[in-house]
N, C-alpha and C. Protein backbone atom coordinates (compact mmCIF):
# COMPACT_ATOMS: atom_id res chain seq x y z
N UNK A 1 0.86 -1.17 0.00
CA UNK A 1 0.00 0.00 0.00
C UNK A 1 0.90 1.23 0.00
N UNK A 2 0.82 2.05 -1.00
CA UNK A 2 1.75 3.16 -1.12
C UNK A 2 0.99 4.48 -1.19
N UNK A 3 1.18 5.30 -0.16
CA UNK A 3 0.67 6.67 -0.18
C UNK A 3 1.89 7.60 -0.20
N UNK A 4 1.98 8.61 0.67
CA UNK A 4 3.15 9.47 0.96
C UNK A 4 2.76 10.46 2.04
N UNK A 5 3.30 10.44 3.26
CA UNK A 5 2.67 11.15 4.38
C UNK A 5 3.04 12.61 4.56
N UNK A 6 4.07 12.95 5.30
CA UNK A 6 4.17 14.27 5.88
C UNK A 6 4.30 15.40 4.87
N UNK A 7 5.08 15.20 3.80
CA UNK A 7 5.16 16.28 2.82
C UNK A 7 3.79 16.57 2.24
N UNK A 8 2.99 15.55 2.03
CA UNK A 8 1.67 15.73 1.49
C UNK A 8 0.70 16.24 2.53
N UNK A 9 0.97 15.94 3.82
CA UNK A 9 0.13 16.50 4.88
C UNK A 9 0.25 18.01 4.84
N UNK A 10 1.47 18.51 4.68
CA UNK A 10 1.65 19.95 4.56
C UNK A 10 1.05 20.47 3.26
N UNK A 11 1.08 19.62 2.24
CA UNK A 11 0.47 20.02 0.98
C UNK A 11 -1.03 20.23 1.17
N UNK A 12 -1.64 19.36 1.97
CA UNK A 12 -3.06 19.51 2.26
C UNK A 12 -3.31 20.84 2.97
N UNK A 13 -2.42 21.19 3.90
CA UNK A 13 -2.57 22.47 4.59
C UNK A 13 -2.42 23.63 3.62
N UNK A 14 -1.51 23.49 2.68
CA UNK A 14 -1.26 24.56 1.72
C UNK A 14 -2.47 24.85 0.83
N UNK A 15 -3.30 23.83 0.58
CA UNK A 15 -4.45 24.06 -0.30
C UNK A 15 -5.72 24.32 0.51
N UNK A 16 -5.54 24.72 1.76
CA UNK A 16 -6.69 25.00 2.63
C UNK A 16 -7.65 25.99 1.99
N UNK A 17 -7.15 27.06 1.43
CA UNK A 17 -8.04 28.07 0.84
C UNK A 17 -8.83 27.51 -0.33
N UNK A 18 -8.20 26.66 -1.13
CA UNK A 18 -8.92 26.04 -2.24
C UNK A 18 -10.00 25.10 -1.74
N UNK A 19 -9.72 24.38 -0.66
CA UNK A 19 -10.73 23.50 -0.09
C UNK A 19 -11.95 24.30 0.35
N UNK A 20 -11.70 25.39 1.03
CA UNK A 20 -12.82 26.20 1.52
C UNK A 20 -13.62 26.80 0.38
N UNK A 21 -12.93 27.27 -0.64
CA UNK A 21 -13.62 27.91 -1.76
C UNK A 21 -14.35 26.90 -2.63
N UNK A 22 -13.68 25.79 -2.93
CA UNK A 22 -14.26 24.82 -3.86
C UNK A 22 -15.26 23.88 -3.21
N UNK A 23 -15.03 23.53 -1.94
CA UNK A 23 -15.87 22.53 -1.30
C UNK A 23 -16.93 23.11 -0.38
N UNK A 24 -16.61 24.20 0.32
CA UNK A 24 -17.54 24.68 1.33
C UNK A 24 -18.14 26.04 1.03
N UNK A 25 -17.51 26.82 0.17
CA UNK A 25 -18.00 28.17 -0.06
C UNK A 25 -17.51 29.11 1.03
N UNK A 26 -17.57 30.39 0.76
CA UNK A 26 -16.98 31.36 1.67
C UNK A 26 -17.70 31.47 3.01
N UNK A 27 -18.98 31.04 3.07
CA UNK A 27 -19.75 31.21 4.31
C UNK A 27 -19.80 29.94 5.16
N UNK A 28 -19.31 28.86 4.64
CA UNK A 28 -19.40 27.58 5.35
C UNK A 28 -18.02 27.10 5.73
N UNK A 29 -17.84 26.68 6.98
CA UNK A 29 -16.53 26.29 7.46
C UNK A 29 -16.46 24.79 7.78
N UNK A 30 -17.21 23.98 7.05
CA UNK A 30 -17.23 22.53 7.25
C UNK A 30 -16.76 21.83 5.98
N UNK A 31 -15.88 20.84 6.14
CA UNK A 31 -15.45 20.02 5.02
C UNK A 31 -15.90 18.58 5.30
N UNK A 32 -16.71 18.03 4.43
CA UNK A 32 -17.18 16.65 4.57
C UNK A 32 -16.13 15.71 3.99
N UNK A 33 -15.75 14.73 4.79
CA UNK A 33 -14.61 13.87 4.45
C UNK A 33 -14.94 12.41 4.72
N UNK A 34 -14.59 11.54 3.78
CA UNK A 34 -14.69 10.10 3.99
C UNK A 34 -13.28 9.54 4.09
N UNK A 35 -13.11 8.49 4.88
CA UNK A 35 -11.79 7.88 5.03
C UNK A 35 -11.92 6.38 5.16
N UNK A 36 -11.07 5.65 4.46
CA UNK A 36 -11.07 4.20 4.60
C UNK A 36 -10.38 3.83 5.92
N UNK A 37 -10.39 2.55 6.25
CA UNK A 37 -10.04 2.10 7.59
C UNK A 37 -8.67 2.56 8.08
N UNK A 38 -7.62 2.30 7.31
CA UNK A 38 -6.27 2.64 7.77
C UNK A 38 -6.08 4.15 7.89
N UNK A 39 -6.39 4.94 6.85
CA UNK A 39 -6.26 6.40 7.01
C UNK A 39 -7.10 6.95 8.15
N UNK A 40 -8.32 6.43 8.32
CA UNK A 40 -9.21 6.94 9.36
C UNK A 40 -8.64 6.69 10.75
N UNK A 41 -8.08 5.53 10.97
CA UNK A 41 -7.62 5.17 12.31
C UNK A 41 -6.20 5.63 12.61
N UNK A 42 -5.32 5.65 11.60
CA UNK A 42 -3.91 5.85 11.87
C UNK A 42 -3.30 7.11 11.25
N UNK A 43 -4.05 7.82 10.41
CA UNK A 43 -3.53 9.03 9.79
C UNK A 43 -4.39 10.26 10.07
N UNK A 44 -5.70 10.07 9.98
CA UNK A 44 -6.63 11.20 10.07
C UNK A 44 -6.51 11.96 11.39
N UNK A 45 -6.42 11.31 12.56
CA UNK A 45 -6.33 12.07 13.80
C UNK A 45 -5.16 13.06 13.81
N UNK A 46 -4.01 12.62 13.34
CA UNK A 46 -2.84 13.50 13.31
C UNK A 46 -3.01 14.63 12.30
N UNK A 47 -3.55 14.29 11.13
CA UNK A 47 -3.75 15.31 10.10
C UNK A 47 -4.74 16.38 10.57
N UNK A 48 -5.85 15.95 11.15
CA UNK A 48 -6.87 16.90 11.58
C UNK A 48 -6.39 17.74 12.75
N UNK A 49 -5.60 17.15 13.64
CA UNK A 49 -5.07 17.91 14.77
C UNK A 49 -4.16 19.03 14.27
N UNK A 50 -3.29 18.70 13.31
CA UNK A 50 -2.40 19.71 12.74
C UNK A 50 -3.16 20.79 12.00
N UNK A 51 -4.15 20.37 11.23
CA UNK A 51 -4.97 21.32 10.48
C UNK A 51 -5.73 22.23 11.44
N UNK A 52 -6.30 21.62 12.50
CA UNK A 52 -7.10 22.39 13.45
C UNK A 52 -6.29 23.44 14.20
N UNK A 53 -5.03 23.12 14.49
CA UNK A 53 -4.19 24.11 15.17
C UNK A 53 -3.92 25.32 14.30
N UNK A 54 -3.80 25.10 13.01
CA UNK A 54 -3.52 26.19 12.09
C UNK A 54 -4.78 26.94 11.68
N UNK A 55 -5.90 26.21 11.59
CA UNK A 55 -7.14 26.82 11.10
C UNK A 55 -8.30 26.41 12.01
N UNK A 56 -8.38 27.00 13.21
CA UNK A 56 -9.41 26.59 14.18
C UNK A 56 -10.82 26.95 13.76
N UNK A 57 -10.98 27.77 12.72
CA UNK A 57 -12.31 28.15 12.27
C UNK A 57 -12.94 27.12 11.34
N UNK A 58 -12.18 26.06 11.02
CA UNK A 58 -12.67 25.03 10.10
C UNK A 58 -12.73 23.70 10.83
N UNK A 59 -13.79 22.93 10.60
CA UNK A 59 -13.81 21.57 11.15
C UNK A 59 -14.33 20.61 10.10
N UNK A 60 -13.99 19.35 10.32
CA UNK A 60 -14.31 18.28 9.38
C UNK A 60 -15.45 17.42 9.92
N UNK A 61 -16.32 17.01 9.01
CA UNK A 61 -17.35 16.01 9.30
C UNK A 61 -16.92 14.76 8.55
N UNK A 62 -16.51 13.70 9.28
CA UNK A 62 -15.91 12.56 8.61
C UNK A 62 -16.71 11.28 8.79
N UNK A 63 -16.60 10.41 7.79
CA UNK A 63 -17.22 9.08 7.80
C UNK A 63 -16.13 8.05 7.57
N UNK A 64 -16.18 6.94 8.31
CA UNK A 64 -15.26 5.84 8.05
C UNK A 64 -15.99 4.75 7.28
N UNK A 65 -15.32 4.24 6.24
CA UNK A 65 -15.87 3.17 5.42
C UNK A 65 -14.69 2.44 4.79
N UNK A 66 -14.94 1.52 3.86
CA UNK A 66 -13.81 0.92 3.16
C UNK A 66 -13.42 1.82 1.99
N UNK A 67 -12.34 1.46 1.29
CA UNK A 67 -11.84 2.33 0.21
C UNK A 67 -12.88 2.54 -0.87
N UNK A 68 -13.55 1.45 -1.26
CA UNK A 68 -14.56 1.55 -2.31
C UNK A 68 -15.69 2.47 -1.88
N UNK A 69 -16.13 2.34 -0.63
CA UNK A 69 -17.20 3.18 -0.13
C UNK A 69 -16.81 4.64 -0.05
N UNK A 70 -15.55 4.90 0.33
CA UNK A 70 -15.07 6.28 0.41
C UNK A 70 -15.06 6.94 -0.96
N UNK A 71 -14.60 6.20 -1.96
CA UNK A 71 -14.56 6.73 -3.32
C UNK A 71 -15.97 6.97 -3.84
N UNK A 72 -16.87 6.04 -3.54
CA UNK A 72 -18.26 6.20 -3.99
C UNK A 72 -18.92 7.43 -3.37
N UNK A 73 -18.55 7.75 -2.12
CA UNK A 73 -19.10 8.95 -1.49
C UNK A 73 -18.64 10.22 -2.20
N UNK A 74 -17.42 10.19 -2.70
CA UNK A 74 -16.94 11.34 -3.49
C UNK A 74 -17.72 11.42 -4.80
N UNK A 75 -17.89 10.28 -5.45
CA UNK A 75 -18.56 10.25 -6.75
C UNK A 75 -20.03 10.69 -6.66
N UNK A 76 -20.70 10.32 -5.55
CA UNK A 76 -22.11 10.69 -5.46
C UNK A 76 -22.34 12.05 -4.78
N UNK A 77 -21.22 12.72 -4.42
CA UNK A 77 -21.33 14.06 -3.86
C UNK A 77 -21.64 14.12 -2.39
N UNK A 78 -21.62 12.97 -1.70
CA UNK A 78 -21.89 12.94 -0.27
C UNK A 78 -20.79 13.66 0.52
N UNK A 79 -19.55 13.53 0.05
CA UNK A 79 -18.42 14.18 0.71
C UNK A 79 -17.62 14.98 -0.32
N UNK A 80 -16.77 15.86 0.23
CA UNK A 80 -15.95 16.70 -0.64
C UNK A 80 -14.67 16.01 -1.07
N UNK A 81 -14.11 15.20 -0.21
CA UNK A 81 -12.89 14.48 -0.53
C UNK A 81 -12.79 13.25 0.36
N UNK A 82 -11.87 12.35 0.01
CA UNK A 82 -11.71 11.10 0.76
C UNK A 82 -10.24 10.75 0.88
N UNK A 83 -9.90 10.11 2.00
CA UNK A 83 -8.58 9.52 2.19
C UNK A 83 -8.75 8.02 2.04
N UNK A 84 -8.04 7.43 1.12
CA UNK A 84 -8.27 6.03 0.81
C UNK A 84 -6.98 5.33 0.43
N UNK A 85 -6.94 4.02 0.65
CA UNK A 85 -5.76 3.24 0.29
C UNK A 85 -5.85 2.63 -1.09
N UNK A 86 -6.83 3.04 -1.87
CA UNK A 86 -7.05 2.43 -3.18
C UNK A 86 -7.19 3.51 -4.26
N UNK A 87 -6.51 3.32 -5.36
CA UNK A 87 -6.65 4.19 -6.53
C UNK A 87 -7.32 3.39 -7.62
N UNK A 88 -8.58 3.71 -7.90
CA UNK A 88 -9.32 2.96 -8.92
C UNK A 88 -9.04 3.45 -10.33
N UNK A 89 -8.38 4.60 -10.44
CA UNK A 89 -8.12 5.15 -11.76
C UNK A 89 -9.34 5.77 -12.40
N UNK A 90 -10.39 5.97 -11.62
CA UNK A 90 -11.62 6.56 -12.14
C UNK A 90 -11.35 8.01 -12.58
N UNK A 91 -11.66 8.33 -13.83
CA UNK A 91 -11.40 9.66 -14.36
C UNK A 91 -12.26 10.73 -13.70
N UNK A 92 -13.29 10.32 -12.97
CA UNK A 92 -14.16 11.28 -12.30
C UNK A 92 -13.54 11.80 -11.01
N UNK A 93 -12.45 11.17 -10.56
CA UNK A 93 -11.76 11.58 -9.33
C UNK A 93 -10.31 11.94 -9.64
N UNK A 94 -9.75 12.79 -8.79
CA UNK A 94 -8.32 13.07 -8.84
C UNK A 94 -7.69 12.40 -7.64
N UNK A 95 -6.71 11.50 -7.87
CA UNK A 95 -6.05 10.77 -6.80
C UNK A 95 -4.67 11.39 -6.55
N UNK A 96 -4.45 11.88 -5.33
CA UNK A 96 -3.18 12.52 -4.96
C UNK A 96 -2.52 11.70 -3.86
N UNK A 97 -1.36 11.07 -4.12
CA UNK A 97 -0.66 10.32 -3.06
C UNK A 97 -0.34 11.22 -1.87
N UNK A 98 -0.56 10.72 -0.65
CA UNK A 98 -0.31 11.56 0.52
C UNK A 98 0.42 10.85 1.64
N UNK A 99 0.68 9.56 1.51
CA UNK A 99 1.33 8.84 2.62
C UNK A 99 1.97 7.55 2.11
N UNK A 100 3.04 7.12 2.76
CA UNK A 100 3.74 5.88 2.41
C UNK A 100 3.48 4.83 3.48
N UNK A 101 3.16 3.64 3.05
CA UNK A 101 2.93 2.53 3.97
C UNK A 101 3.44 1.26 3.32
N UNK A 102 3.63 0.23 4.11
CA UNK A 102 4.06 -1.08 3.62
C UNK A 102 3.10 -2.15 4.12
N UNK A 103 3.10 -3.29 3.42
CA UNK A 103 2.33 -4.43 3.86
C UNK A 103 3.25 -5.40 4.60
N UNK A 104 2.73 -6.00 5.68
CA UNK A 104 3.50 -6.99 6.43
C UNK A 104 2.64 -8.23 6.64
N UNK A 105 3.30 -9.36 6.82
CA UNK A 105 2.61 -10.58 7.21
C UNK A 105 2.60 -10.61 8.73
N UNK A 106 1.40 -10.49 9.32
CA UNK A 106 1.26 -10.48 10.78
C UNK A 106 0.79 -11.85 11.24
N UNK A 107 1.52 -12.47 12.15
CA UNK A 107 1.21 -13.83 12.58
C UNK A 107 1.09 -13.90 14.11
N UNK A 108 0.44 -14.96 14.60
CA UNK A 108 0.42 -15.18 16.05
C UNK A 108 1.85 -15.42 16.56
N UNK A 109 2.04 -15.22 17.85
CA UNK A 109 3.32 -15.52 18.48
C UNK A 109 3.27 -16.95 18.99
N UNK A 110 3.91 -17.86 18.27
CA UNK A 110 4.00 -19.25 18.71
C UNK A 110 5.27 -19.88 18.14
N UNK A 111 5.54 -21.12 18.50
CA UNK A 111 6.79 -21.77 18.09
C UNK A 111 6.90 -21.94 16.58
N UNK A 112 5.76 -22.20 15.93
CA UNK A 112 5.76 -22.39 14.48
C UNK A 112 6.27 -21.14 13.77
N UNK A 113 5.72 -19.99 14.11
CA UNK A 113 6.13 -18.76 13.44
C UNK A 113 7.48 -18.25 13.92
N UNK A 114 7.84 -18.59 15.17
CA UNK A 114 9.17 -18.24 15.65
C UNK A 114 10.22 -18.97 14.83
N UNK A 115 9.95 -20.23 14.51
CA UNK A 115 10.86 -21.01 13.68
C UNK A 115 10.98 -20.41 12.28
N UNK A 116 9.85 -19.99 11.71
CA UNK A 116 9.89 -19.36 10.39
C UNK A 116 10.63 -18.03 10.43
N UNK A 117 10.43 -17.29 11.50
CA UNK A 117 11.08 -15.99 11.63
C UNK A 117 12.59 -16.15 11.76
N UNK A 118 13.01 -17.23 12.40
CA UNK A 118 14.44 -17.50 12.55
C UNK A 118 15.08 -17.88 11.21
N UNK A 119 14.35 -18.68 10.41
CA UNK A 119 14.88 -19.14 9.12
C UNK A 119 14.82 -18.03 8.08
N UNK A 120 13.64 -17.36 7.98
CA UNK A 120 13.45 -16.25 7.05
C UNK A 120 13.90 -16.60 5.63
N UNK A 121 13.49 -17.75 5.11
CA UNK A 121 13.83 -18.15 3.75
C UNK A 121 12.60 -18.06 2.86
N UNK A 122 12.82 -17.98 1.56
CA UNK A 122 11.72 -17.87 0.61
C UNK A 122 10.77 -19.05 0.70
N UNK A 123 11.32 -20.26 0.84
CA UNK A 123 10.47 -21.44 0.90
C UNK A 123 9.59 -21.42 2.14
N UNK A 124 10.10 -20.86 3.24
CA UNK A 124 9.30 -20.76 4.46
C UNK A 124 8.11 -19.85 4.24
N UNK A 125 8.33 -18.72 3.59
CA UNK A 125 7.25 -17.79 3.34
C UNK A 125 6.23 -18.38 2.38
N UNK A 126 6.69 -19.11 1.40
CA UNK A 126 5.77 -19.75 0.46
C UNK A 126 4.88 -20.76 1.18
N UNK A 127 5.49 -21.53 2.10
CA UNK A 127 4.72 -22.49 2.87
C UNK A 127 3.73 -21.81 3.79
N UNK A 128 4.16 -20.71 4.38
CA UNK A 128 3.29 -19.94 5.26
C UNK A 128 2.06 -19.46 4.53
N UNK A 129 2.24 -18.91 3.35
CA UNK A 129 1.12 -18.33 2.61
C UNK A 129 0.20 -19.37 2.01
N UNK A 130 0.72 -20.50 1.63
CA UNK A 130 -0.10 -21.47 0.92
C UNK A 130 -0.76 -22.52 1.81
N UNK A 131 -0.26 -22.71 3.04
CA UNK A 131 -0.77 -23.78 3.88
C UNK A 131 -1.42 -23.29 5.17
N UNK A 132 -0.85 -22.28 5.80
CA UNK A 132 -1.33 -21.85 7.10
C UNK A 132 -2.66 -21.10 7.01
N UNK A 133 -3.48 -21.15 8.06
CA UNK A 133 -4.76 -20.45 8.05
C UNK A 133 -4.57 -18.94 7.94
N UNK A 134 -5.37 -18.32 7.08
CA UNK A 134 -5.23 -16.89 6.82
C UNK A 134 -6.58 -16.18 6.99
N UNK A 135 -6.52 -14.97 7.50
CA UNK A 135 -7.69 -14.11 7.65
C UNK A 135 -7.57 -13.00 6.63
N UNK A 136 -8.61 -12.74 5.85
CA UNK A 136 -8.53 -11.71 4.82
C UNK A 136 -9.59 -10.64 5.03
N UNK A 137 -9.34 -9.48 4.45
CA UNK A 137 -10.28 -8.37 4.53
C UNK A 137 -11.39 -8.55 3.50
N UNK A 138 -12.43 -7.72 3.63
CA UNK A 138 -13.58 -7.80 2.74
C UNK A 138 -13.25 -7.19 1.38
N UNK A 139 -14.02 -7.54 0.37
CA UNK A 139 -13.88 -6.93 -0.94
C UNK A 139 -14.22 -5.44 -0.82
N UNK A 140 -13.49 -4.61 -1.56
CA UNK A 140 -13.69 -3.17 -1.47
C UNK A 140 -12.66 -2.51 -0.59
N UNK A 141 -11.94 -3.30 0.19
CA UNK A 141 -10.89 -2.78 1.05
C UNK A 141 -9.62 -2.53 0.26
N UNK A 142 -8.97 -1.39 0.50
CA UNK A 142 -7.70 -1.11 -0.14
C UNK A 142 -6.64 -2.11 0.29
N UNK A 143 -6.71 -2.54 1.57
CA UNK A 143 -5.77 -3.54 2.07
C UNK A 143 -5.95 -4.86 1.33
N UNK A 144 -7.20 -5.23 1.05
CA UNK A 144 -7.46 -6.47 0.30
C UNK A 144 -6.87 -6.37 -1.10
N UNK A 145 -7.01 -5.22 -1.73
CA UNK A 145 -6.44 -5.05 -3.07
C UNK A 145 -4.92 -5.17 -3.03
N UNK A 146 -4.31 -4.54 -2.03
CA UNK A 146 -2.85 -4.62 -1.91
C UNK A 146 -2.40 -6.03 -1.56
N UNK A 147 -3.22 -6.75 -0.79
CA UNK A 147 -2.91 -8.14 -0.47
C UNK A 147 -2.89 -8.97 -1.75
N UNK A 148 -3.86 -8.73 -2.63
CA UNK A 148 -3.92 -9.47 -3.90
C UNK A 148 -2.67 -9.19 -4.74
N UNK A 149 -2.22 -7.94 -4.74
CA UNK A 149 -1.01 -7.58 -5.47
C UNK A 149 0.21 -8.27 -4.85
N UNK A 150 0.25 -8.28 -3.52
CA UNK A 150 1.33 -8.93 -2.78
C UNK A 150 1.43 -10.41 -3.16
N UNK A 151 0.27 -11.08 -3.19
CA UNK A 151 0.25 -12.50 -3.52
C UNK A 151 0.66 -12.74 -4.97
N UNK A 152 0.19 -11.86 -5.85
CA UNK A 152 0.54 -11.99 -7.27
C UNK A 152 2.04 -11.87 -7.46
N UNK A 153 2.66 -10.91 -6.76
CA UNK A 153 4.11 -10.73 -6.87
C UNK A 153 4.87 -11.92 -6.30
N UNK A 154 4.23 -12.61 -5.33
CA UNK A 154 4.86 -13.79 -4.73
C UNK A 154 4.57 -15.05 -5.53
N UNK A 155 3.77 -14.93 -6.60
CA UNK A 155 3.44 -16.07 -7.42
C UNK A 155 2.47 -17.04 -6.77
N UNK A 156 1.61 -16.52 -5.91
CA UNK A 156 0.67 -17.37 -5.18
C UNK A 156 -0.76 -17.07 -5.62
N UNK A 157 -1.50 -18.09 -5.99
CA UNK A 157 -2.89 -17.93 -6.39
C UNK A 157 -3.77 -17.76 -5.15
N UNK A 158 -4.63 -16.74 -5.11
CA UNK A 158 -5.53 -16.56 -3.96
C UNK A 158 -6.37 -17.80 -3.67
N UNK A 159 -6.72 -18.54 -4.71
CA UNK A 159 -7.55 -19.73 -4.52
C UNK A 159 -6.82 -20.84 -3.76
N UNK A 160 -5.50 -20.73 -3.67
CA UNK A 160 -4.72 -21.76 -2.97
C UNK A 160 -4.60 -21.49 -1.48
N UNK A 161 -5.08 -20.33 -1.03
CA UNK A 161 -4.95 -19.96 0.38
C UNK A 161 -5.92 -20.76 1.25
N UNK A 162 -5.50 -21.02 2.46
CA UNK A 162 -6.34 -21.69 3.45
C UNK A 162 -7.09 -20.63 4.25
N UNK A 163 -8.12 -20.05 3.65
CA UNK A 163 -8.86 -18.95 4.27
C UNK A 163 -9.78 -19.49 5.37
N UNK A 164 -9.60 -18.98 6.59
CA UNK A 164 -10.44 -19.41 7.71
C UNK A 164 -11.45 -18.35 8.11
N UNK A 165 -11.26 -17.12 7.64
CA UNK A 165 -12.22 -16.05 7.97
C UNK A 165 -12.03 -14.88 7.03
N UNK A 166 -13.14 -14.22 6.74
CA UNK A 166 -13.12 -12.95 6.00
C UNK A 166 -13.80 -11.92 6.89
N UNK A 167 -13.11 -10.84 7.21
CA UNK A 167 -13.64 -9.86 8.16
C UNK A 167 -13.55 -8.45 7.59
N UNK A 168 -14.53 -7.61 7.98
CA UNK A 168 -14.50 -6.22 7.52
C UNK A 168 -14.02 -5.28 8.61
N UNK A 169 -13.68 -5.81 9.77
CA UNK A 169 -13.23 -4.98 10.88
C UNK A 169 -11.77 -5.28 11.20
N UNK A 170 -10.93 -4.28 11.07
CA UNK A 170 -9.49 -4.46 11.26
C UNK A 170 -9.15 -4.91 12.67
N UNK A 171 -9.79 -4.31 13.67
CA UNK A 171 -9.49 -4.67 15.05
C UNK A 171 -9.83 -6.14 15.33
N UNK A 172 -10.91 -6.62 14.71
CA UNK A 172 -11.28 -8.03 14.88
C UNK A 172 -10.22 -8.95 14.28
N UNK A 173 -9.68 -8.54 13.13
CA UNK A 173 -8.61 -9.32 12.50
C UNK A 173 -7.39 -9.38 13.41
N UNK A 174 -7.00 -8.23 13.95
CA UNK A 174 -5.82 -8.17 14.80
C UNK A 174 -6.00 -9.02 16.05
N UNK A 175 -7.18 -8.94 16.68
CA UNK A 175 -7.43 -9.74 17.88
C UNK A 175 -7.47 -11.23 17.54
N UNK A 176 -7.98 -11.55 16.35
CA UNK A 176 -8.02 -12.96 15.94
C UNK A 176 -6.63 -13.51 15.73
N UNK A 177 -5.73 -12.68 15.19
CA UNK A 177 -4.34 -13.11 15.02
C UNK A 177 -3.69 -13.34 16.38
N UNK A 178 -3.87 -12.39 17.30
CA UNK A 178 -3.30 -12.50 18.64
C UNK A 178 -3.77 -13.78 19.32
N UNK A 179 -5.03 -14.16 19.06
CA UNK A 179 -5.60 -15.35 19.69
C UNK A 179 -5.32 -16.64 18.92
N UNK A 180 -4.54 -16.53 17.84
CA UNK A 180 -4.07 -17.73 17.16
C UNK A 180 -4.93 -18.27 16.05
N UNK A 181 -5.93 -17.50 15.59
CA UNK A 181 -6.80 -18.00 14.52
C UNK A 181 -6.03 -18.21 13.22
N UNK A 182 -5.13 -17.30 12.91
CA UNK A 182 -4.37 -17.40 11.66
C UNK A 182 -3.56 -16.15 11.46
N UNK A 183 -2.91 -16.06 10.31
CA UNK A 183 -2.14 -14.86 9.98
C UNK A 183 -2.93 -14.00 9.02
N UNK A 184 -2.44 -12.79 8.78
CA UNK A 184 -3.06 -11.93 7.78
C UNK A 184 -1.99 -11.01 7.19
N UNK A 185 -2.31 -10.36 6.09
CA UNK A 185 -1.41 -9.39 5.47
C UNK A 185 -2.03 -8.02 5.70
N UNK A 186 -1.34 -7.18 6.47
CA UNK A 186 -1.92 -5.93 6.94
C UNK A 186 -0.98 -4.75 6.70
N UNK A 187 -1.53 -3.56 6.85
CA UNK A 187 -0.73 -2.35 6.82
C UNK A 187 0.24 -2.34 7.99
N UNK A 188 1.49 -1.98 7.71
CA UNK A 188 2.48 -1.92 8.79
C UNK A 188 2.08 -0.92 9.86
N UNK A 189 1.45 0.17 9.46
CA UNK A 189 1.02 1.18 10.43
C UNK A 189 0.00 0.63 11.42
N UNK A 190 -0.81 -0.31 10.96
CA UNK A 190 -1.91 -0.78 11.79
C UNK A 190 -1.47 -1.78 12.87
N UNK A 191 -0.24 -2.26 12.80
CA UNK A 191 0.21 -3.29 13.74
C UNK A 191 1.37 -2.84 14.63
N UNK A 192 1.74 -1.57 14.56
CA UNK A 192 2.90 -1.08 15.30
C UNK A 192 2.76 -1.33 16.80
N UNK A 193 1.61 -0.96 17.37
CA UNK A 193 1.43 -1.08 18.81
C UNK A 193 1.53 -2.52 19.29
N UNK A 194 0.82 -3.42 18.61
CA UNK A 194 0.84 -4.83 19.02
C UNK A 194 2.21 -5.46 18.78
N UNK A 195 2.89 -5.00 17.76
CA UNK A 195 4.24 -5.52 17.49
C UNK A 195 5.18 -5.09 18.62
N UNK A 196 5.07 -3.85 19.08
CA UNK A 196 5.91 -3.36 20.17
C UNK A 196 5.64 -4.14 21.45
N UNK A 197 4.40 -4.59 21.61
CA UNK A 197 4.03 -5.36 22.80
C UNK A 197 4.36 -6.85 22.64
N UNK A 198 4.98 -7.20 21.52
CA UNK A 198 5.36 -8.59 21.21
C UNK A 198 4.15 -9.51 21.17
N UNK A 199 3.02 -9.00 20.71
CA UNK A 199 1.82 -9.82 20.57
C UNK A 199 1.65 -10.30 19.13
N UNK A 200 2.49 -9.82 18.22
CA UNK A 200 2.53 -10.20 16.82
C UNK A 200 3.95 -10.60 16.46
N UNK A 201 4.09 -11.45 15.46
CA UNK A 201 5.33 -11.52 14.68
C UNK A 201 5.01 -10.84 13.35
N UNK A 202 5.90 -10.03 12.87
CA UNK A 202 5.71 -9.38 11.58
C UNK A 202 6.83 -9.74 10.62
N UNK A 203 6.43 -10.23 9.45
CA UNK A 203 7.39 -10.57 8.39
C UNK A 203 7.27 -9.49 7.32
N UNK A 204 8.38 -8.83 7.05
CA UNK A 204 8.36 -7.73 6.07
C UNK A 204 8.74 -8.24 4.68
């Protein structure tokens, strides 16, 4: 998943006047915003806090959804802009990269994955992806799209995966991994806290 963060965060601040003029009009100080799961949980709070300190007269009304839903809200005029992990290439939208992220394989902490982490060989990763139980995100998720790209680059067919659950809630996926249900491929930003607590193994 590739965005680009802080330089573009300042870029967002730089176009504040255009946002107000184009999206809200001179008399309205509200910007309607949709955000997919990762940007909403791990990027938006910091961005809005910085924006609010500089421009306290403006506030955002935000909705969290998946990437597809966020883009659809822009297309149907429900919101003025969206933060999303997916670029559909739709000519009706302008997609501006704003943050950089990576995908990681997040696994339970147990002897099996500790052994794989120690070996860190290509064959180990291939076995992990093709045989071990995996939890995947719902269709429409930017993370799911990036996971598909990840698997394609690894030469692994999605149909060969041992899928044990499909979930639309990121926190449920993370808790399921911690409890040993299976592994998943997630945004690196979304697993930092649990990784620091040694409740995950992460393979980059």
